[in-house]
Amino acid sequence: MKRTIPLALALLALAGCATDKRNQALNKTLMNYGAAIRWGDFTGAQAFIDKTYAEEHPISSVEQSRLQQLRVTGYDEGSGPRPDGDDEVVQVVQINVVNINTQAERGIVDRQRWHYDREKGKWTLMTGLPDFSPH
């Protein structure tokens, strides 16, 4: 009995370390992705997108040129990410942009879904870049 208590505590500590590493990776990923969007580095932001999603939803050259016409003026994560399953979080972000040609400003709501790959210890964006097309 005395031996099982330290073993149980050690296992809990290891689980806690894994959770801490995962949370640290999430915080770093969301901060870096948010910074890329804030600075209008959409090419850099694409590096956060899940590879399968990116292959199935390639960004056309027309879309790339549209993105270059935008200046991000606001990026608000609201209440931040919330868990949605074991290895997923969702985050709703309000993004404001100005079209540099027309100087028209508009806001969009970006519903992000992030997935944690346990093998790679990495978070990836499952929903692609924000949809900035006017509706």
Protein backbone atom coordinates (compact mmCIF):
# COMPACT_ATOMS: atom_id res chain seq x y z
CA MET A 1 0.00 0.00 0.00
CA LYS A 2 2.80 2.41 0.90
CA ARG A 3 4.44 1.82 -2.49
CA THR A 4 1.29 2.48 -4.52
CA ILE A 5 0.74 5.96 -3.10
CA PRO A 6 4.09 7.34 -4.37
CA LEU A 7 3.52 5.59 -7.70
CA ALA A 8 0.07 7.14 -8.03
CA LEU A 9 1.46 10.56 -7.14
CA ALA A 10 4.25 10.15 -9.69
CA LEU A 11 1.74 9.23 -12.40
CA LEU A 12 -0.40 12.25 -11.54
CA ALA A 13 2.66 14.48 -11.69
CA LEU A 14 3.57 13.11 -15.13
CA ALA A 15 0.02 13.67 -16.36
CA GLY A 16 0.18 17.19 -14.99
CA CYS A 17 3.47 17.82 -16.80
CA ALA A 18 1.95 16.61 -20.07
CA THR A 19 -1.02 18.93 -19.55
CA ASP A 20 1.29 21.84 -18.69
CA LYS A 21 3.36 21.23 -21.85
CA ARG A 22 0.20 21.02 -23.93
CA ASN A 23 -1.17 24.24 -22.43
CA GLN A 24 2.16 26.00 -22.92
CA ALA A 25 2.22 24.84 -26.54
CA LEU A 26 -1.36 26.09 -27.00
CA ASN A 27 -0.59 29.49 -25.50
CA LYS A 28 2.54 29.88 -27.63
CA THR A 29 0.73 28.73 -30.78
CA LEU A 30 -2.25 31.07 -30.28
CA MET A 31 0.06 33.98 -29.47
CA ASN A 32 2.22 33.41 -32.57
CA TYR A 33 -0.77 32.83 -34.85
CA GLY A 34 -2.51 35.94 -33.50
CA ALA A 35 0.67 37.97 -34.04
CA ALA A 36 0.92 36.76 -37.65
CA ILE A 37 -2.68 37.79 -38.33
CA ARG A 38 -2.27 41.14 -36.50
CA TRP A 39 0.75 41.99 -38.64
CA GLY A 40 -0.96 40.87 -41.84
CA ASP A 41 1.51 37.99 -42.29
CA PHE A 42 -1.00 35.67 -43.88
CA THR A 43 1.73 33.53 -45.43
CA GLY A 44 3.19 32.98 -41.96
CA ALA A 45 -0.28 32.30 -40.55
CA GLN A 46 -0.76 29.54 -43.14
CA ALA A 47 2.02 27.56 -41.43
CA PHE A 48 -0.36 26.95 -38.50
CA ILE A 49 -3.02 25.30 -40.69
CA ASP A 50 -3.43 21.52 -40.59
CA LYS A 51 -1.65 20.04 -43.64
CA THR A 52 -4.65 17.96 -44.74
CA TYR A 53 -6.98 20.97 -44.49
CA ALA A 54 -4.49 23.11 -46.44
CA GLU A 55 -4.28 20.50 -49.22
CA GLU A 56 -8.07 20.24 -49.45
CA HIS A 57 -8.58 24.04 -49.33
CA PRO A 58 -5.68 25.65 -51.21
CA ILE A 59 -5.53 29.44 -51.24
CA SER A 60 -5.73 30.74 -54.80
CA SER A 61 -3.52 33.51 -56.13
CA VAL A 62 -6.63 35.74 -56.32
CA GLU A 63 -7.32 35.15 -52.63
CA GLN A 64 -3.65 35.82 -51.83
CA SER A 65 -3.81 39.17 -53.62
CA ARG A 66 -7.03 40.07 -51.78
CA LEU A 67 -5.34 39.34 -48.47
CA GLN A 68 -2.50 41.70 -49.43
CA GLN A 69 -5.08 44.52 -49.73
CA LEU A 70 -6.07 44.21 -46.07
CA ARG A 71 -4.64 45.93 -43.02
CA VAL A 72 -5.63 44.30 -39.73
CA THR A 73 -6.73 46.96 -37.23
CA GLY A 74 -7.97 44.70 -34.44
CA TYR A 75 -7.71 41.12 -33.20
CA ASP A 76 -9.75 40.32 -30.09
CA GLU A 77 -9.71 36.77 -28.69
CA GLY A 78 -12.61 37.55 -26.36
CA SER A 79 -12.69 35.03 -23.54
CA GLY A 80 -9.95 32.93 -25.14
CA PRO A 81 -9.92 29.26 -26.07
CA ARG A 82 -12.24 26.74 -24.51
CA PRO A 83 -11.84 22.95 -24.53
CA ASP A 84 -13.98 20.98 -26.94
CA GLY A 85 -13.06 17.33 -26.53
CA ASP A 86 -9.81 15.72 -25.44
CA ASP A 87 -7.39 17.29 -27.91
CA GLU A 88 -9.34 20.21 -29.31
CA VAL A 89 -10.11 23.77 -28.38
CA VAL A 90 -12.30 26.36 -30.03
CA GLN A 91 -11.81 30.08 -30.00
CA VAL A 92 -13.96 32.88 -31.38
CA VAL A 93 -11.99 35.91 -32.51
CA GLN A 94 -13.26 39.30 -33.66
CA ILE A 95 -10.97 40.67 -36.41
CA ASN A 96 -11.23 44.17 -37.86
CA VAL A 97 -9.64 44.98 -41.19
CA VAL A 98 -9.32 47.98 -43.49
CA ASN A 99 -9.11 47.60 -47.25
CA ILE A 100 -6.07 49.72 -48.13
CA ASN A 101 -7.54 50.63 -51.54
CA THR A 102 -11.00 51.75 -50.42
CA GLN A 103 -10.24 52.57 -46.76
CA ALA A 104 -13.44 50.73 -45.86
CA GLU A 105 -13.30 49.02 -42.48
CA ARG A 106 -15.23 45.92 -41.54
CA GLY A 107 -15.20 43.29 -38.86
CA ILE A 108 -15.44 39.54 -39.13
CA VAL A 109 -15.93 36.76 -36.63
CA ASP A 110 -13.40 33.94 -36.99
CA ARG A 111 -14.44 30.65 -35.40
CA GLN A 112 -11.22 28.73 -34.92
CA ARG A 113 -10.86 25.03 -34.10
CA TRP A 114 -7.43 23.88 -32.94
CA HIS A 115 -6.31 20.25 -32.66
CA TYR A 116 -3.44 18.91 -30.57
CA ASP A 117 -1.26 16.22 -32.14
CA ARG A 118 0.06 14.24 -29.15
CA GLU A 119 2.84 12.58 -31.16
CA LYS A 120 4.24 15.86 -32.45
CA GLY A 121 3.33 17.90 -29.37
CA LYS A 122 1.89 20.53 -31.71
CA TRP A 123 -1.39 22.44 -32.17
CA THR A 124 -2.75 22.99 -35.68
CA LEU A 125 -5.61 25.09 -36.99
CA MET A 126 -8.36 22.92 -38.46
CA THR A 127 -10.48 25.76 -39.90
CA GLY A 128 -8.07 27.62 -42.17
CA LEU A 129 -7.46 31.33 -42.42
CA PRO A 130 -10.27 33.75 -41.56
CA ASP A 131 -12.79 34.39 -44.33
CA PHE A 132 -12.31 38.07 -45.14
CA SER A 133 -14.55 38.06 -48.22
CA PRO A 134 -17.33 40.64 -48.01
CA HIS A 135 -20.72 39.03 -47.48
